[in-house]
Each structure stands twice: as C-alpha cells, then as structure tokens.
Amino acid sequence: MQKQRNMTSIFLCCNDKILLLNRQGGSVVNNVWIGSAGGHFEEFELNDARACVLRELNEELSLTEDMLSDLRLRYITMRHTNGEIRINYFYFANLENGTEMDLQSNEGVLKWFDYDEIRELGMSFSGQNVMKHYMGIGMYTQEIYGGVADGEKVVFTEMK
C-alpha cells in the first residue's frame, strides 16, 4: 500500500519579486529553494489545505492572513517518489503594503528574487516545475492547475 504525504507551500510576492526559502535541515527537501513557507498537514487539516498553509506561514514567518492579499490555491501536484505519493498544494499571495519585507524563517534562509533569477536556482522538483509553468502561463491567469509528475517533468492541466 502506498502512503501519501500531503503538503502545502506558499509563494509570497511583493513589488515584482518573489520570496523563496533555501530549506536547511529538512527531512523531505534540504538545501534547495522552495516556497516562502509550507509543510505537512496536521490531522485536523486533511480537508483544509488553506488552514495548513496559514498555520505554516504563521509558525515559520510570523505572518497572518490579514498581512496578505489575493491568497489563492494555484497548483496541486502529485509525484510518486521514495515509496510515497506526494501531494503538494501550492498557494500564491501578495504581501500587503506596509508589511515588513525583511522576514526571517526558522526553516532556513529567505531571499527575495526577481522572476528572471528563478530559472537559475536549484529548486525542489515540484516547486521548479510549478514556477516554470507559473512564469510562462499561470501568472497571467486566475485558474487552478493540476500537475502529475511523469518522472522528468510535471504535466499540468487547467482544472475547470
């Protein structure tokens, strides 16, 4: 029987930049760039990815929902790796004007990037594929995309 690992991640945007985390000491991803905050679902969050991403955002960056605008689920990916099916819920949001941009994380090193810098970063497999799709298509739409990893890439489709 395959185990599933449900996780969330959020990409924070502000002034045409995106905040990424170089994850340090993680059991699933380590020493790669990922979303600003995220993590595993708690049992009470299994049917509420939004609650999970907001909890992780508060725990890791001390941010609350009122400090964000346009918080949206944009991508759901599935990947079979290391004997489990990993299901990732990727959110995007903007920091509200006046929110401190010099954020600190207890999970690693945070850094703001211009979008054109992201292509050169060593990112997690799913995160890299999400960002590639987002920069090419997703940032110009309001849709939610589902993606399935085929071993080499993630194949996305618009979820109507």
N, C-alpha and C. Protein backbone atom coordinates (compact mmCIF):
# COMPACT_ATOMS: atom_id res chain seq x y z
N MET A 1 0.84 -1.18 0.00
CA MET A 1 0.00 0.00 0.00
C MET A 1 0.89 1.25 0.00
N GLN A 2 0.54 2.21 -0.85
CA GLN A 2 1.28 3.45 -0.96
C GLN A 2 0.84 4.44 0.11
N LYS A 3 1.81 5.04 0.76
CA LYS A 3 1.50 6.13 1.69
C LYS A 3 1.42 7.42 0.90
N GLN A 4 0.63 8.36 1.42
CA GLN A 4 0.54 9.68 0.82
C GLN A 4 1.12 10.69 1.79
N ARG A 5 1.77 11.68 1.24
CA ARG A 5 2.29 12.78 2.04
C ARG A 5 1.65 14.05 1.49
N ASN A 6 0.79 14.69 2.28
CA ASN A 6 0.11 15.93 1.89
C ASN A 6 0.87 17.12 2.46
N MET A 7 1.20 18.06 1.56
CA MET A 7 1.99 19.22 1.97
C MET A 7 1.47 20.49 1.30
N THR A 8 1.72 21.62 1.94
CA THR A 8 1.41 22.91 1.35
C THR A 8 2.69 23.72 1.20
N SER A 9 2.59 24.71 0.32
CA SER A 9 3.68 25.66 0.14
C SER A 9 3.07 26.97 -0.33
N ILE A 10 3.68 28.08 0.05
CA ILE A 10 3.19 29.38 -0.40
C ILE A 10 4.34 30.18 -0.97
N PHE A 11 4.06 30.82 -2.10
CA PHE A 11 5.00 31.74 -2.72
C PHE A 11 4.47 33.15 -2.46
N LEU A 12 5.25 33.95 -1.74
CA LEU A 12 4.87 35.33 -1.43
C LEU A 12 5.49 36.27 -2.45
N CYS A 13 4.68 37.21 -2.93
CA CYS A 13 5.10 38.16 -3.94
C CYS A 13 4.96 39.58 -3.39
N CYS A 14 5.85 40.47 -3.84
CA CYS A 14 5.78 41.87 -3.47
C CYS A 14 6.68 42.67 -4.40
N ASN A 15 6.15 43.75 -4.98
CA ASN A 15 6.94 44.64 -5.83
C ASN A 15 7.69 43.89 -6.93
N ASP A 16 7.00 43.02 -7.65
CA ASP A 16 7.59 42.25 -8.76
C ASP A 16 8.74 41.35 -8.34
N LYS A 17 8.72 40.93 -7.08
CA LYS A 17 9.70 39.96 -6.57
C LYS A 17 8.95 38.83 -5.89
N ILE A 18 9.64 37.71 -5.73
CA ILE A 18 9.06 36.55 -5.07
C ILE A 18 10.01 36.07 -3.98
N LEU A 19 9.46 35.72 -2.84
CA LEU A 19 10.25 35.29 -1.69
C LEU A 19 10.39 33.77 -1.71
N LEU A 20 11.64 33.31 -1.66
CA LEU A 20 11.91 31.87 -1.62
C LEU A 20 12.73 31.55 -0.38
N LEU A 21 12.64 30.29 0.02
CA LEU A 21 13.35 29.79 1.19
C LEU A 21 14.35 28.74 0.75
N ASN A 22 15.61 28.91 1.16
CA ASN A 22 16.59 27.83 0.99
C ASN A 22 16.47 26.97 2.22
N ARG A 23 15.79 25.84 2.06
CA ARG A 23 15.44 24.96 3.17
C ARG A 23 16.68 24.28 3.73
N GLN A 24 16.86 24.40 5.05
CA GLN A 24 18.01 23.82 5.73
C GLN A 24 17.55 22.77 6.73
N GLY A 25 18.11 21.59 6.68
CA GLY A 25 17.83 20.56 7.68
C GLY A 25 16.50 19.86 7.54
N GLY A 26 15.90 19.88 6.36
CA GLY A 26 14.60 19.24 6.17
C GLY A 26 14.70 17.75 5.92
N SER A 27 13.67 17.03 6.28
CA SER A 27 13.65 15.58 6.06
C SER A 27 13.18 15.22 4.66
N VAL A 28 12.37 16.08 4.03
CA VAL A 28 11.86 15.81 2.69
C VAL A 28 12.66 16.56 1.63
N VAL A 29 12.89 17.84 1.85
CA VAL A 29 13.74 18.64 0.96
C VAL A 29 14.77 19.36 1.82
N ASN A 30 15.98 19.46 1.28
CA ASN A 30 17.07 20.05 2.05
C ASN A 30 18.05 20.73 1.09
N ASN A 31 18.51 21.93 1.46
CA ASN A 31 19.49 22.69 0.69
C ASN A 31 19.04 22.97 -0.74
N VAL A 32 17.73 23.23 -0.92
CA VAL A 32 17.19 23.66 -2.20
C VAL A 32 16.22 24.81 -1.92
N TRP A 33 15.92 25.58 -2.96
CA TRP A 33 14.98 26.69 -2.85
C TRP A 33 13.57 26.16 -3.00
N ILE A 34 12.70 26.61 -2.11
CA ILE A 34 11.29 26.22 -2.12
C ILE A 34 10.45 27.47 -1.86
N GLY A 35 9.13 27.29 -1.74
CA GLY A 35 8.24 28.40 -1.40
C GLY A 35 8.62 29.04 -0.08
N SER A 36 8.06 30.20 0.18
CA SER A 36 8.39 31.00 1.35
C SER A 36 8.16 30.27 2.66
N ALA A 37 7.10 29.47 2.71
CA ALA A 37 6.76 28.70 3.91
C ALA A 37 5.92 27.52 3.47
N GLY A 38 5.82 26.51 4.32
CA GLY A 38 4.99 25.35 4.00
C GLY A 38 5.35 24.17 4.86
N GLY A 39 4.62 23.10 4.66
CA GLY A 39 4.89 21.89 5.42
C GLY A 39 3.77 20.88 5.33
N HIS A 40 3.83 19.93 6.23
CA HIS A 40 2.90 18.81 6.23
C HIS A 40 1.58 19.16 6.91
N PHE A 41 0.53 18.53 6.44
CA PHE A 41 -0.79 18.69 7.05
C PHE A 41 -0.80 18.07 8.43
N GLU A 42 -1.46 18.73 9.36
CA GLU A 42 -1.81 18.13 10.64
C GLU A 42 -3.10 17.33 10.43
N GLU A 43 -3.38 16.40 11.30
CA GLU A 43 -4.55 15.54 11.12
C GLU A 43 -5.83 16.34 10.95
N PHE A 44 -6.01 17.40 11.70
CA PHE A 44 -7.23 18.20 11.65
C PHE A 44 -7.31 19.06 10.39
N GLU A 45 -6.25 19.09 9.56
CA GLU A 45 -6.21 19.90 8.34
C GLU A 45 -6.38 19.07 7.07
N LEU A 46 -6.61 17.80 7.17
CA LEU A 46 -6.59 16.93 6.00
C LEU A 46 -7.55 17.36 4.90
N ASN A 47 -8.61 18.02 5.22
CA ASN A 47 -9.54 18.51 4.21
C ASN A 47 -9.51 20.03 4.08
N ASP A 48 -8.42 20.65 4.53
CA ASP A 48 -8.34 22.11 4.53
C ASP A 48 -6.90 22.57 4.31
N ALA A 49 -6.46 22.54 3.05
CA ALA A 49 -5.09 22.94 2.72
C ALA A 49 -4.84 24.40 3.08
N ARG A 50 -5.85 25.23 2.96
CA ARG A 50 -5.70 26.65 3.29
C ARG A 50 -5.34 26.82 4.77
N ALA A 51 -6.00 26.08 5.64
CA ALA A 51 -5.70 26.15 7.08
C ALA A 51 -4.26 25.73 7.32
N CYS A 52 -3.79 24.71 6.61
CA CYS A 52 -2.42 24.24 6.77
C CYS A 52 -1.42 25.31 6.33
N VAL A 53 -1.64 25.91 5.17
CA VAL A 53 -0.67 26.89 4.68
C VAL A 53 -0.66 28.13 5.58
N LEU A 54 -1.81 28.52 6.10
CA LEU A 54 -1.85 29.68 7.01
C LEU A 54 -1.16 29.36 8.33
N ARG A 55 -1.33 28.15 8.84
CA ARG A 55 -0.65 27.76 10.08
C ARG A 55 0.86 27.77 9.86
N GLU A 56 1.32 27.16 8.76
CA GLU A 56 2.75 27.10 8.46
C GLU A 56 3.33 28.51 8.28
N LEU A 57 2.59 29.39 7.61
CA LEU A 57 3.03 30.76 7.40
C LEU A 57 3.22 31.48 8.73
N ASN A 58 2.31 31.25 9.66
CA ASN A 58 2.40 31.88 10.96
C ASN A 58 3.55 31.28 11.77
N GLU A 59 3.67 29.95 11.76
CA GLU A 59 4.74 29.29 12.53
C GLU A 59 6.13 29.65 12.01
N GLU A 60 6.29 29.72 10.70
CA GLU A 60 7.61 29.89 10.11
C GLU A 60 8.01 31.35 9.88
N LEU A 61 7.02 32.23 9.58
CA LEU A 61 7.35 33.62 9.25
C LEU A 61 6.63 34.64 10.12
N SER A 62 5.81 34.17 11.06
CA SER A 62 5.02 35.05 11.93
C SER A 62 4.10 35.98 11.15
N LEU A 63 3.61 35.50 9.99
CA LEU A 63 2.66 36.26 9.19
C LEU A 63 1.25 35.71 9.39
N THR A 64 0.26 36.59 9.31
CA THR A 64 -1.14 36.19 9.42
C THR A 64 -1.87 36.56 8.14
N GLU A 65 -3.04 36.00 7.97
CA GLU A 65 -3.79 36.19 6.73
C GLU A 65 -4.08 37.66 6.43
N ASP A 66 -4.28 38.48 7.45
CA ASP A 66 -4.57 39.89 7.23
C ASP A 66 -3.36 40.67 6.70
N MET A 67 -2.19 40.06 6.68
CA MET A 67 -0.99 40.69 6.12
C MET A 67 -0.83 40.36 4.64
N LEU A 68 -1.79 39.59 4.08
CA LEU A 68 -1.73 39.13 2.70
C LEU A 68 -2.90 39.67 1.90
N SER A 69 -2.72 39.70 0.60
CA SER A 69 -3.84 39.93 -0.30
C SER A 69 -3.77 38.89 -1.41
N ASP A 70 -4.92 38.62 -1.98
CA ASP A 70 -5.02 37.70 -3.11
C ASP A 70 -4.43 36.31 -2.82
N LEU A 71 -4.68 35.78 -1.62
CA LEU A 71 -4.24 34.42 -1.28
C LEU A 71 -5.06 33.43 -2.09
N ARG A 72 -4.39 32.65 -2.92
CA ARG A 72 -5.09 31.70 -3.80
C ARG A 72 -4.34 30.38 -3.94
N LEU A 73 -5.11 29.30 -3.93
CA LEU A 73 -4.57 28.00 -4.33
C LEU A 73 -4.43 28.04 -5.85
N ARG A 74 -3.23 27.77 -6.35
CA ARG A 74 -2.99 27.85 -7.80
C ARG A 74 -2.57 26.53 -8.42
N TYR A 75 -1.90 25.68 -7.64
CA TYR A 75 -1.40 24.42 -8.19
C TYR A 75 -1.57 23.29 -7.18
N ILE A 76 -1.93 22.12 -7.70
CA ILE A 76 -1.92 20.89 -6.92
C ILE A 76 -1.11 19.90 -7.74
N THR A 77 -0.03 19.38 -7.16
CA THR A 77 0.81 18.42 -7.89
C THR A 77 0.84 17.08 -7.17
N MET A 78 1.06 16.04 -7.96
CA MET A 78 1.24 14.68 -7.42
C MET A 78 2.51 14.08 -8.02
N ARG A 79 3.27 13.42 -7.15
CA ARG A 79 4.52 12.80 -7.58
C ARG A 79 4.75 11.54 -6.77
N HIS A 80 5.10 10.46 -7.44
CA HIS A 80 5.46 9.21 -6.77
C HIS A 80 6.98 9.17 -6.62
N THR A 81 7.44 9.23 -5.37
CA THR A 81 8.87 9.22 -5.11
C THR A 81 9.15 8.66 -3.72
N ASN A 82 10.26 7.98 -3.58
CA ASN A 82 10.68 7.41 -2.30
C ASN A 82 9.58 6.59 -1.62
N GLY A 83 8.84 5.83 -2.41
CA GLY A 83 7.83 4.93 -1.87
C GLY A 83 6.56 5.58 -1.39
N GLU A 84 6.34 6.84 -1.75
CA GLU A 84 5.11 7.51 -1.32
C GLU A 84 4.60 8.41 -2.45
N ILE A 85 3.33 8.76 -2.35
CA ILE A 85 2.74 9.71 -3.28
C ILE A 85 2.70 11.04 -2.56
N ARG A 86 3.42 12.01 -3.11
CA ARG A 86 3.47 13.34 -2.51
C ARG A 86 2.48 14.25 -3.22
N ILE A 87 1.58 14.81 -2.45
CA ILE A 87 0.57 15.72 -2.96
C ILE A 87 0.87 17.09 -2.38
N ASN A 88 1.16 18.04 -3.26
CA ASN A 88 1.52 19.39 -2.85
C ASN A 88 0.45 20.38 -3.29
N TYR A 89 0.07 21.25 -2.37
CA TYR A 89 -0.89 22.33 -2.63
C TYR A 89 -0.10 23.64 -2.59
N PHE A 90 0.04 24.27 -3.75
CA PHE A 90 0.84 25.49 -3.88
C PHE A 90 -0.06 26.72 -3.92
N TYR A 91 0.17 27.62 -2.97
CA TYR A 91 -0.56 28.88 -2.88
C TYR A 91 0.35 30.02 -3.30
N PHE A 92 -0.28 31.08 -3.77
CA PHE A 92 0.41 32.33 -4.06
C PHE A 92 -0.34 33.44 -3.35
N ALA A 93 0.38 34.45 -2.88
CA ALA A 93 -0.24 35.62 -2.22
C ALA A 93 0.70 36.80 -2.34
N ASN A 94 0.12 37.97 -2.19
CA ASN A 94 0.90 39.21 -2.15
C ASN A 94 0.98 39.69 -0.72
N LEU A 95 2.13 40.22 -0.34
CA LEU A 95 2.24 40.87 0.96
C LEU A 95 1.52 42.21 0.88
N GLU A 96 0.73 42.51 1.87
CA GLU A 96 0.04 43.79 1.94
C GLU A 96 1.06 44.92 2.07
N ASN A 97 0.75 46.06 1.49
CA ASN A 97 1.62 47.24 1.64
C ASN A 97 1.78 47.54 3.12
N GLY A 98 2.99 47.83 3.51
CA GLY A 98 3.27 48.14 4.90
C GLY A 98 3.75 46.94 5.70
N THR A 99 3.60 45.75 5.15
CA THR A 99 4.10 44.56 5.84
C THR A 99 5.62 44.52 5.67
N GLU A 100 6.31 44.23 6.74
CA GLU A 100 7.77 44.16 6.74
C GLU A 100 8.25 43.12 5.73
N MET A 101 9.16 43.53 4.84
CA MET A 101 9.70 42.60 3.84
C MET A 101 10.97 41.91 4.31
N ASP A 102 11.57 42.37 5.40
CA ASP A 102 12.78 41.75 5.93
C ASP A 102 12.37 40.62 6.87
N LEU A 103 11.89 39.54 6.29
CA LEU A 103 11.36 38.41 7.06
C LEU A 103 12.46 37.42 7.40
N GLN A 104 12.26 36.71 8.50
CA GLN A 104 13.18 35.66 8.94
C GLN A 104 12.39 34.36 9.04
N SER A 105 13.06 33.24 8.79
CA SER A 105 12.42 31.93 8.89
C SER A 105 13.23 31.03 9.82
N ASN A 106 12.51 30.19 10.55
CA ASN A 106 13.18 29.20 11.39
C ASN A 106 13.48 27.91 10.60
N GLU A 107 13.24 27.94 9.29
CA GLU A 107 13.43 26.75 8.45
C GLU A 107 14.63 26.87 7.50
N GLY A 108 15.25 28.05 7.44
CA GLY A 108 16.36 28.24 6.52
C GLY A 108 16.54 29.71 6.19
N VAL A 109 17.11 29.98 5.02
CA VAL A 109 17.44 31.33 4.59
C VAL A 109 16.42 31.83 3.57
N LEU A 110 15.83 33.00 3.84
CA LEU A 110 14.88 33.63 2.94
C LEU A 110 15.58 34.65 2.06
N LYS A 111 15.10 34.75 0.80
CA LYS A 111 15.66 35.76 -0.09
C LYS A 111 14.61 36.14 -1.13
N TRP A 112 14.52 37.45 -1.42
CA TRP A 112 13.65 37.96 -2.48
C TRP A 112 14.38 37.85 -3.81
N PHE A 113 13.67 37.37 -4.84
CA PHE A 113 14.25 37.22 -6.17
C PHE A 113 13.40 37.92 -7.21
N ASP A 114 14.06 38.45 -8.25
CA ASP A 114 13.35 38.84 -9.46
C ASP A 114 12.93 37.55 -10.16
N TYR A 115 11.83 37.60 -10.89
CA TYR A 115 11.34 36.38 -11.55
C TYR A 115 12.37 35.78 -12.50
N ASP A 116 13.13 36.62 -13.20
CA ASP A 116 14.09 36.09 -14.16
C ASP A 116 15.27 35.38 -13.49
N GLU A 117 15.48 35.57 -12.21
CA GLU A 117 16.55 34.88 -11.48
C GLU A 117 16.18 33.45 -11.11
N ILE A 118 14.90 33.15 -11.06
CA ILE A 118 14.43 31.86 -10.54
C ILE A 118 14.85 30.69 -11.41
N ARG A 119 14.92 30.90 -12.71
CA ARG A 119 15.27 29.81 -13.62
C ARG A 119 16.63 29.19 -13.31
N GLU A 120 17.50 29.97 -12.70
CA GLU A 120 18.87 29.52 -12.43
C GLU A 120 19.03 28.84 -11.07
N LEU A 121 17.98 28.83 -10.27
CA LEU A 121 18.09 28.30 -8.91
C LEU A 121 17.92 26.79 -8.86
N GLY A 122 18.58 26.16 -7.90
CA GLY A 122 18.34 24.76 -7.60
C GLY A 122 17.11 24.67 -6.71
N MET A 123 15.99 24.22 -7.29
CA MET A 123 14.73 24.16 -6.55
C MET A 123 14.29 22.71 -6.39
N SER A 124 13.31 22.52 -5.50
CA SER A 124 12.70 21.19 -5.39
C SER A 124 12.05 20.85 -6.73
N PHE A 125 11.90 19.55 -7.00
CA PHE A 125 11.37 19.09 -8.29
C PHE A 125 10.02 19.71 -8.60
N SER A 126 9.07 19.56 -7.69
CA SER A 126 7.72 20.08 -7.95
C SER A 126 7.72 21.60 -7.97
N GLY A 127 8.43 22.22 -7.04
CA GLY A 127 8.49 23.68 -6.99
C GLY A 127 9.07 24.28 -8.26
N GLN A 128 10.11 23.66 -8.79
CA GLN A 128 10.72 24.15 -10.02
C GLN A 128 9.74 24.07 -11.19
N ASN A 129 9.01 22.96 -11.28
CA ASN A 129 8.04 22.80 -12.36
C ASN A 129 6.86 23.77 -12.20
N VAL A 130 6.41 23.99 -10.97
CA VAL A 130 5.35 24.95 -10.73
C VAL A 130 5.81 26.35 -11.15
N MET A 131 7.00 26.75 -10.74
CA MET A 131 7.47 28.10 -11.07
C MET A 131 7.67 28.26 -12.58
N LYS A 132 8.14 27.24 -13.25
CA LYS A 132 8.31 27.32 -14.70
C LYS A 132 6.95 27.54 -15.37
N HIS A 133 5.93 26.78 -14.94
CA HIS A 133 4.59 26.93 -15.50
C HIS A 133 4.00 28.30 -15.12
N TYR A 134 4.18 28.68 -13.87
CA TYR A 134 3.63 29.95 -13.38
C TYR A 134 4.19 31.13 -14.18
N MET A 135 5.49 31.15 -14.39
CA MET A 135 6.11 32.27 -15.10
C MET A 135 5.72 32.29 -16.58
N GLY A 136 5.42 31.12 -17.15
CA GLY A 136 5.04 31.06 -18.56
C GLY A 136 3.56 31.25 -18.80
N ILE A 137 2.72 30.77 -17.87
CA ILE A 137 1.27 30.78 -18.09
C ILE A 137 0.51 31.26 -16.86
N GLY A 138 0.77 30.66 -15.71
CA GLY A 138 -0.05 30.84 -14.52
C GLY A 138 -0.16 32.25 -14.01
N MET A 139 0.91 33.04 -14.14
CA MET A 139 0.84 34.41 -13.60
C MET A 139 -0.11 35.29 -14.40
N TYR A 140 -0.53 34.83 -15.57
CA TYR A 140 -1.43 35.60 -16.42
C TYR A 140 -2.88 35.12 -16.34
N THR A 141 -3.15 34.16 -15.47
CA THR A 141 -4.50 33.61 -15.33
C THR A 141 -4.90 33.61 -13.86
N GLN A 142 -6.12 33.21 -13.60
CA GLN A 142 -6.61 33.04 -12.24
C GLN A 142 -6.96 31.57 -11.97
N GLU A 143 -6.60 30.68 -12.87
CA GLU A 143 -7.00 29.28 -12.81
C GLU A 143 -6.20 28.50 -11.76
N ILE A 144 -6.75 27.36 -11.41
CA ILE A 144 -6.04 26.36 -10.61
C ILE A 144 -5.56 25.30 -11.59
N TYR A 145 -4.32 24.84 -11.42
CA TYR A 145 -3.75 23.83 -12.30
C TYR A 145 -3.42 22.58 -11.50
N GLY A 146 -3.73 21.44 -12.10
CA GLY A 146 -3.34 20.16 -11.54
C GLY A 146 -2.15 19.64 -12.32
N GLY A 147 -1.19 19.06 -11.61
CA GLY A 147 0.00 18.56 -12.27
C GLY A 147 0.40 17.19 -11.77
N VAL A 148 0.77 16.32 -12.70
CA VAL A 148 1.22 14.97 -12.36
C VAL A 148 2.63 14.80 -12.89
N ALA A 149 3.53 14.35 -12.02
CA ALA A 149 4.92 14.13 -12.41
C ALA A 149 5.02 12.85 -13.22
N ASP A 150 5.75 12.92 -14.35
CA ASP A 150 5.94 11.74 -15.18
C ASP A 150 7.35 11.18 -15.07
N GLY A 151 8.11 11.66 -14.09
CA GLY A 151 9.48 11.19 -13.91
C GLY A 151 10.51 12.21 -14.34
N GLU A 152 10.18 12.99 -15.39
CA GLU A 152 11.10 14.01 -15.87
C GLU A 152 10.58 15.42 -15.69
N LYS A 153 9.27 15.55 -15.69
CA LYS A 153 8.65 16.87 -15.56
C LYS A 153 7.27 16.68 -14.94
N VAL A 154 6.60 17.81 -14.68
CA VAL A 154 5.22 17.77 -14.23
C VAL A 154 4.36 18.24 -15.39
N VAL A 155 3.34 17.46 -15.72
CA VAL A 155 2.42 17.78 -16.79
C VAL A 155 1.20 18.45 -16.17
N PHE A 156 0.93 19.70 -16.56
CA PHE A 156 -0.15 20.49 -15.96
C PHE A 156 -1.37 20.54 -16.86
N THR A 157 -2.52 20.60 -16.22
CA THR A 157 -3.78 20.86 -16.90
C THR A 157 -4.59 21.82 -16.06
N GLU A 158 -5.35 22.65 -16.75
CA GLU A 158 -6.22 23.61 -16.09
C GLU A 158 -7.39 22.85 -15.47
N MET A 159 -7.69 23.14 -14.23
CA MET A 159 -8.81 22.49 -13.53
C MET A 159 -10.02 23.41 -13.62
N LYS A 160 -10.96 23.06 -14.47
CA LYS A 160 -12.17 23.88 -14.67
C LYS A 160 -13.15 23.63 -13.55
